Amino acid sequence: MRLSHAHTLALHGERLPKDQWTKWEDETWYLKPYLDEIEAEKKARAETTGLIPPFEMKQQEGH
């Protein structure tokens, strides 16, 4: 819905009034459940295999 409205405004060369902007506390975090699931899978994989992914090794070295 937001994208459609933004596209229509852009076609007319208009901008959304600031009072209609989505506020941070009203934001819908629609991807959060999927990101949480990915993080849980990464954690489970690290615990069961004992292997540490390269991107985590870099973070541990920086301590």
PDB file of N, CA and C in Angstrom:
ATOM      1  N   MET A   1       0.821  -1.187   0.000  1.00  0.00           N
ATOM      2  CA  MET A   1       0.000   0.000   0.000  1.00  0.00           C
ATOM      3  C   MET A   1       0.869   1.257   0.000  1.00  0.00           C
ATOM      4  N   ARG A   2       1.893   1.247   0.869  1.00  0.00           N
ATOM      5  CA  ARG A   2       2.756   2.427   0.938  1.00  0.00           C
ATOM      6  C   ARG A   2       3.482   2.662  -0.377  1.00  0.00           C
ATOM      7  N   LEU A   3       3.948   1.573  -0.971  1.00  0.00           N
ATOM      8  CA  LEU A   3       4.689   1.688  -2.221  1.00  0.00           C
ATOM      9  C   LEU A   3       3.810   2.241  -3.330  1.00  0.00           C
ATOM     10  N   SER A   4       2.579   1.788  -3.395  1.00  0.00           N
ATOM     11  CA  SER A   4       1.635   2.264  -4.399  1.00  0.00           C
ATOM     12  C   SER A   4       1.367   3.754  -4.223  1.00  0.00           C
ATOM     13  N   HIS A   5       1.165   4.153  -2.978  1.00  0.00           N
ATOM     14  CA  HIS A   5       0.904   5.568  -2.694  1.00  0.00           C
ATOM     15  C   HIS A   5       2.135   6.414  -3.039  1.00  0.00           C
ATOM     16  N   ALA A   6       3.316   5.922  -2.683  1.00  0.00           N
ATOM     17  CA  ALA A   6       4.552   6.644  -2.984  1.00  0.00           C
ATOM     18  C   ALA A   6       4.750   6.774  -4.487  1.00  0.00           C
ATOM     19  N   HIS A   7       4.433   5.722  -5.218  1.00  0.00           N
ATOM     20  CA  HIS A   7       4.579   5.747  -6.671  1.00  0.00           C
ATOM     21  C   HIS A   7       3.635   6.785  -7.285  1.00  0.00           C
ATOM     22  N   THR A   8       2.399   6.818  -6.827  1.00  0.00           N
ATOM     23  CA  THR A   8       1.425   7.785  -7.337  1.00  0.00           C
ATOM     24  C   THR A   8       1.884   9.211  -7.064  1.00  0.00           C
ATOM     25  N   LEU A   9       2.362   9.465  -5.855  1.00  0.00           N
ATOM     26  CA  LEU A   9       2.852  10.805  -5.527  1.00  0.00           C
ATOM     27  C   LEU A   9       4.043  11.175  -6.403  1.00  0.00           C
ATOM     28  N   ALA A  10       4.951  10.227  -6.620  1.00  0.00           N
ATOM     29  CA  ALA A  10       6.130  10.492  -7.439  1.00  0.00           C
ATOM     30  C   ALA A  10       5.745  10.810  -8.878  1.00  0.00           C
ATOM     31  N   LEU A  11       4.748  10.113  -9.398  1.00  0.00           N
ATOM     32  CA  LEU A  11       4.305  10.378 -10.768  1.00  0.00           C
ATOM     33  C   LEU A  11       3.762  11.790 -10.924  1.00  0.00           C
ATOM     34  N   HIS A  12       3.142  12.292  -9.865  1.00  0.00           N
ATOM     35  CA  HIS A  12       2.570  13.640  -9.905  1.00  0.00           C
ATOM     36  C   HIS A  12       3.561  14.705  -9.440  1.00  0.00           C
ATOM     37  N   GLY A  13       4.765  14.277  -9.089  1.00  0.00           N
ATOM     38  CA  GLY A  13       5.783  15.215  -8.638  1.00  0.00           C
ATOM     39  C   GLY A  13       5.463  15.795  -7.271  1.00  0.00           C
ATOM     40  N   GLU A  14       4.742  15.050  -6.456  1.00  0.00           N
ATOM     41  CA  GLU A  14       4.357  15.523  -5.126  1.00  0.00           C
ATOM     42  C   GLU A  14       5.138  14.762  -4.061  1.00  0.00           C
ATOM     43  N   ARG A  15       5.111  15.310  -2.855  1.00  0.00           N
ATOM     44  CA  ARG A  15       5.743  14.655  -1.712  1.00  0.00           C
ATOM     45  C   ARG A  15       4.697  14.446  -0.626  1.00  0.00           C
ATOM     46  N   LEU A  16       4.872  13.378   0.119  1.00  0.00           N
ATOM     47  CA  LEU A  16       3.970  13.077   1.219  1.00  0.00           C
ATOM     48  C   LEU A  16       4.193  14.092   2.334  1.00  0.00           C
ATOM     49  N   PRO A  17       3.130  14.702   2.832  1.00  0.00           N
ATOM     50  CA  PRO A  17       3.290  15.644   3.944  1.00  0.00           C
ATOM     51  C   PRO A  17       3.916  14.950   5.156  1.00  0.00           C
ATOM     52  N   LYS A  18       4.752  15.676   5.869  1.00  0.00           N
ATOM     53  CA  LYS A  18       5.492  15.079   6.980  1.00  0.00           C
ATOM     54  C   LYS A  18       4.570  14.500   8.050  1.00  0.00           C
ATOM     55  N   ASP A  19       3.394  15.070   8.239  1.00  0.00           N
ATOM     56  CA  ASP A  19       2.479  14.543   9.260  1.00  0.00           C
ATOM     57  C   ASP A  19       1.891  13.186   8.870  1.00  0.00           C
ATOM     58  N   GLN A  20       2.074  12.765   7.615  1.00  0.00           N
ATOM     59  CA  GLN A  20       1.584  11.464   7.164  1.00  0.00           C
ATOM     60  C   GLN A  20       2.690  10.411   7.083  1.00  0.00           C
ATOM     61  N   TRP A  21       3.914  10.796   7.413  1.00  0.00           N
ATOM     62  CA  TRP A  21       5.016   9.845   7.409  1.00  0.00           C
ATOM     63  C   TRP A  21       4.771   8.775   8.467  1.00  0.00           C
ATOM     64  N   THR A  22       5.274   7.575   8.231  1.00  0.00           N
ATOM     65  CA  THR A  22       5.173   6.507   9.217  1.00  0.00           C
ATOM     66  C   THR A  22       6.139   6.805  10.354  1.00  0.00           C
ATOM     67  N   LYS A  23       5.613   6.772  11.565  1.00  0.00           N
ATOM     68  CA  LYS A  23       6.451   7.023  12.735  1.00  0.00           C
ATOM     69  C   LYS A  23       7.189   5.739  13.101  1.00  0.00           C
ATOM     70  N   TRP A  24       8.356   5.894  13.696  1.00  0.00           N
ATOM     71  CA  TRP A  24       9.193   4.753  14.040  1.00  0.00           C
ATOM     72  C   TRP A  24       8.440   3.754  14.915  1.00  0.00           C
ATOM     73  N   GLU A  25       7.707   4.234  15.893  1.00  0.00           N
ATOM     74  CA  GLU A  25       6.999   3.328  16.805  1.00  0.00           C
ATOM     75  C   GLU A  25       5.801   2.648  16.141  1.00  0.00           C
ATOM     76  N   ASP A  26       5.315   3.179  15.015  1.00  0.00           N
ATOM     77  CA  ASP A  26       4.191   2.578  14.294  1.00  0.00           C
ATOM     78  C   ASP A  26       4.640   1.646  13.168  1.00  0.00           C
ATOM     79  N   GLU A  27       5.945   1.522  12.980  1.00  0.00           N
ATOM     80  CA  GLU A  27       6.480   0.711  11.886  1.00  0.00           C
ATOM     81  C   GLU A  27       6.108  -0.758  12.063  1.00  0.00           C
ATOM     82  N   THR A  28       5.826  -1.423  10.958  1.00  0.00           N
ATOM     83  CA  THR A  28       5.510  -2.847  10.960  1.00  0.00           C
ATOM     84  C   THR A  28       6.765  -3.612  10.557  1.00  0.00           C
ATOM     85  N   TRP A  29       7.250  -4.438  11.452  1.00  0.00           N
ATOM     86  CA  TRP A  29       8.470  -5.197  11.199  1.00  0.00           C
ATOM     87  C   TRP A  29       8.101  -6.548  10.618  1.00  0.00           C
ATOM     88  N   TYR A  30       7.681  -6.551   9.368  1.00  0.00           N
ATOM     89  CA  TYR A  30       7.159  -7.757   8.735  1.00  0.00           C
ATOM     90  C   TYR A  30       8.226  -8.815   8.469  1.00  0.00           C
ATOM     91  N   LEU A  31       9.482  -8.453   8.410  1.00  0.00           N
ATOM     92  CA  LEU A  31      10.546  -9.436   8.169  1.00  0.00           C
ATOM     93  C   LEU A  31      11.153  -9.987   9.458  1.00  0.00           C
ATOM     94  N   LYS A  32      10.823  -9.412  10.598  1.00  0.00           N
ATOM     95  CA  LYS A  32      11.423  -9.803  11.872  1.00  0.00           C
ATOM     96  C   LYS A  32      11.294 -11.290  12.168  1.00  0.00           C
ATOM     97  N   PRO A  33      10.129 -11.922  12.001  1.00  0.00           N
ATOM     98  CA  PRO A  33      10.040 -13.361  12.289  1.00  0.00           C
ATOM     99  C   PRO A  33      10.991 -14.200  11.432  1.00  0.00           C
ATOM    100  N   TYR A  34      11.175 -13.815  10.194  1.00  0.00           N
ATOM    101  CA  TYR A  34      12.066 -14.557   9.303  1.00  0.00           C
ATOM    102  C   TYR A  34      13.529 -14.367   9.709  1.00  0.00           C
ATOM    103  N   LEU A  35      13.886 -13.151  10.078  1.00  0.00           N
ATOM    104  CA  LEU A  35      15.258 -12.893  10.514  1.00  0.00           C
ATOM    105  C   LEU A  35      15.566 -13.628  11.815  1.00  0.00           C
ATOM    106  N   ASP A  36      14.594 -13.667  12.725  1.00  0.00           N
ATOM    107  CA  ASP A  36      14.781 -14.414  13.972  1.00  0.00           C
ATOM    108  C   ASP A  36      14.981 -15.901  13.698  1.00  0.00           C
ATOM    109  N   GLU A  37      14.232 -16.427  12.745  1.00  0.00           N
ATOM    110  CA  GLU A  37      14.356 -17.842  12.386  1.00  0.00           C
ATOM    111  C   GLU A  37      15.744 -18.142  11.815  1.00  0.00           C
ATOM    112  N   ILE A  38      16.250 -17.254  10.986  1.00  0.00           N
ATOM    113  CA  ILE A  38      17.583 -17.428  10.403  1.00  0.00           C
ATOM    114  C   ILE A  38      18.645 -17.403  11.496  1.00  0.00           C
ATOM    115  N   GLU A  39      18.523 -16.450  12.424  1.00  0.00           N
ATOM    116  CA  GLU A  39      19.492 -16.365  13.517  1.00  0.00           C
ATOM    117  C   GLU A  39      19.467 -17.627  14.375  1.00  0.00           C
ATOM    118  N   ALA A  40      18.268 -18.162  14.644  1.00  0.00           N
ATOM    119  CA  ALA A  40      18.148 -19.395  15.434  1.00  0.00           C
ATOM    120  C   ALA A  40      18.787 -20.571  14.701  1.00  0.00           C
ATOM    121  N   GLU A  41      18.608 -20.638  13.387  1.00  0.00           N
ATOM    122  CA  GLU A  41      19.219 -21.716  12.602  1.00  0.00           C
ATOM    123  C   GLU A  41      20.742 -21.611  12.611  1.00  0.00           C
ATOM    124  N   LYS A  42      21.261 -20.389  12.486  1.00  0.00           N
ATOM    125  CA  LYS A  42      22.713 -20.200  12.519  1.00  0.00           C
ATOM    126  C   LYS A  42      23.282 -20.623  13.872  1.00  0.00           C
ATOM    127  N   LYS A  43      22.570 -20.254  14.941  1.00  0.00           N
ATOM    128  CA  LYS A  43      23.029 -20.611  16.281  1.00  0.00           C
ATOM    129  C   LYS A  43      22.994 -22.125  16.474  1.00  0.00           C
ATOM    130  N   ALA A  44      21.911 -22.762  16.044  1.00  0.00           N
ATOM    131  CA  ALA A  44      21.790 -24.216  16.179  1.00  0.00           C
ATOM    132  C   ALA A  44      22.863 -24.924  15.367  1.00  0.00           C
ATOM    133  N   ARG A  45      23.159 -24.436  14.186  1.00  0.00           N
ATOM    134  CA  ARG A  45      24.185 -25.050  13.339  1.00  0.00           C
ATOM    135  C   ARG A  45      25.553 -24.946  14.004  1.00  0.00           C
ATOM    136  N   ALA A  46      25.845 -23.787  14.577  1.00  0.00           N
ATOM    137  CA  ALA A  46      27.136 -23.599  15.235  1.00  0.00           C
ATOM    138  C   ALA A  46      27.260 -24.492  16.465  1.00  0.00           C
ATOM    139  N   GLU A  47      26.154 -24.669  17.197  1.00  0.00           N
ATOM    140  CA  GLU A  47      26.190 -25.503  18.403  1.00  0.00           C
ATOM    141  C   GLU A  47      26.307 -26.989  18.075  1.00  0.00           C
ATOM    142  N   THR A  48      25.689 -27.430  16.993  1.00  0.00           N
ATOM    143  CA  THR A  48      25.692 -28.861  16.678  1.00  0.00           C
ATOM    144  C   THR A  48      26.927 -29.297  15.901  1.00  0.00           C
ATOM    145  N   THR A  49      27.469 -28.434  15.059  1.00  0.00           N
ATOM    146  CA  THR A  49      28.618 -28.828  14.245  1.00  0.00           C
ATOM    147  C   THR A  49      29.937 -28.414  14.861  1.00  0.00           C
ATOM    148  N   GLY A  50      29.917 -27.390  15.688  1.00  0.00           N
ATOM    149  CA  GLY A  50      31.152 -26.891  16.268  1.00  0.00           C
ATOM    150  C   GLY A  50      31.932 -26.006  15.310  1.00  0.00           C
ATOM    151  N   LEU A  51      31.423 -25.815  14.114  1.00  0.00           N
ATOM    152  CA  LEU A  51      32.088 -24.963  13.132  1.00  0.00           C
ATOM    153  C   LEU A  51      31.641 -23.520  13.313  1.00  0.00           C
ATOM    154  N   ILE A  52      32.585 -22.618  13.185  1.00  0.00           N
ATOM    155  CA  ILE A  52      32.268 -21.199  13.287  1.00  0.00           C
ATOM    156  C   ILE A  52      32.361 -20.599  11.892  1.00  0.00           C
ATOM    157  N   PRO A  53      31.288 -19.959  11.421  1.00  0.00           N
ATOM    158  CA  PRO A  53      31.327 -19.341  10.096  1.00  0.00           C
ATOM    159  C   PRO A  53      32.399 -18.253  10.032  1.00  0.00           C
ATOM    160  N   PRO A  54      33.015 -18.058   8.875  1.00  0.00           N
ATOM    161  CA  PRO A  54      34.085 -17.071   8.734  1.00  0.00           C
ATOM    162  C   PRO A  54      33.689 -15.666   9.174  1.00  0.00           C
ATOM    163  N   PHE A  55      32.445 -15.255   8.916  1.00  0.00           N
ATOM    164  CA  PHE A  55      32.053 -13.896   9.282  1.00  0.00           C
ATOM    165  C   PHE A  55      32.014 -13.721  10.804  1.00  0.00           C
ATOM    166  N   GLU A  56      31.791 -14.793  11.561  1.00  0.00           N
ATOM    167  CA  GLU A  56      31.816 -14.703  13.018  1.00  0.00           C
ATOM    168  C   GLU A  56      33.247 -14.771  13.546  1.00  0.00           C
ATOM    169  N   MET A  57      34.126 -15.444  12.841  1.00  0.00           N
ATOM    170  CA  MET A  57      35.521 -15.528  13.260  1.00  0.00           C
ATOM    171  C   MET A  57      36.147 -14.145  13.255  1.00  0.00           C
ATOM    172  N   LYS A  58      35.815 -13.336  12.253  1.00  0.00           N
ATOM    173  CA  LYS A  58      36.354 -11.981  12.165  1.00  0.00           C
ATOM    174  C   LYS A  58      35.909 -11.151  13.358  1.00  0.00           C
ATOM    175  N   GLN A  59      34.654 -11.317  13.789  1.00  0.00           N
ATOM    176  CA  GLN A  59      34.142 -10.563  14.933  1.00  0.00           C
ATOM    177  C   GLN A  59      34.842 -10.989  16.219  1.00  0.00           C
ATOM    178  N   GLN A  60      35.122 -12.282  16.370  1.00  0.00           N
ATOM    179  CA  GLN A  60      35.762 -12.776  17.580  1.00  0.00           C
ATOM    180  C   GLN A  60      37.212 -12.316  17.673  1.00  0.00           C
ATOM    181  N   GLU A  61      37.889 -12.191  16.548  1.00  0.00           N
ATOM    182  CA  GLU A  61      39.281 -11.745  16.541  1.00  0.00           C
ATOM    183  C   GLU A  61      39.394 -10.291  16.959  1.00  0.00           C
ATOM    184  N   GLY A  62      38.373  -9.493  16.686  1.00  0.00           N
ATOM    185  CA  GLY A  62      38.412  -8.064  16.970  1.00  0.00           C
ATOM    186  C   GLY A  62      38.224  -7.712  18.429  1.00  0.00           C
ATOM    187  N   HIS A  63      37.961  -8.670  19.301  1.00  0.00           N
ATOM    188  CA  HIS A  63      37.705  -8.389  20.721  1.00  0.00           C
ATOM    189  C   HIS A  63      38.861  -7.757  21.372  1.00  0.00           C
TER     190      HIS A  63
END
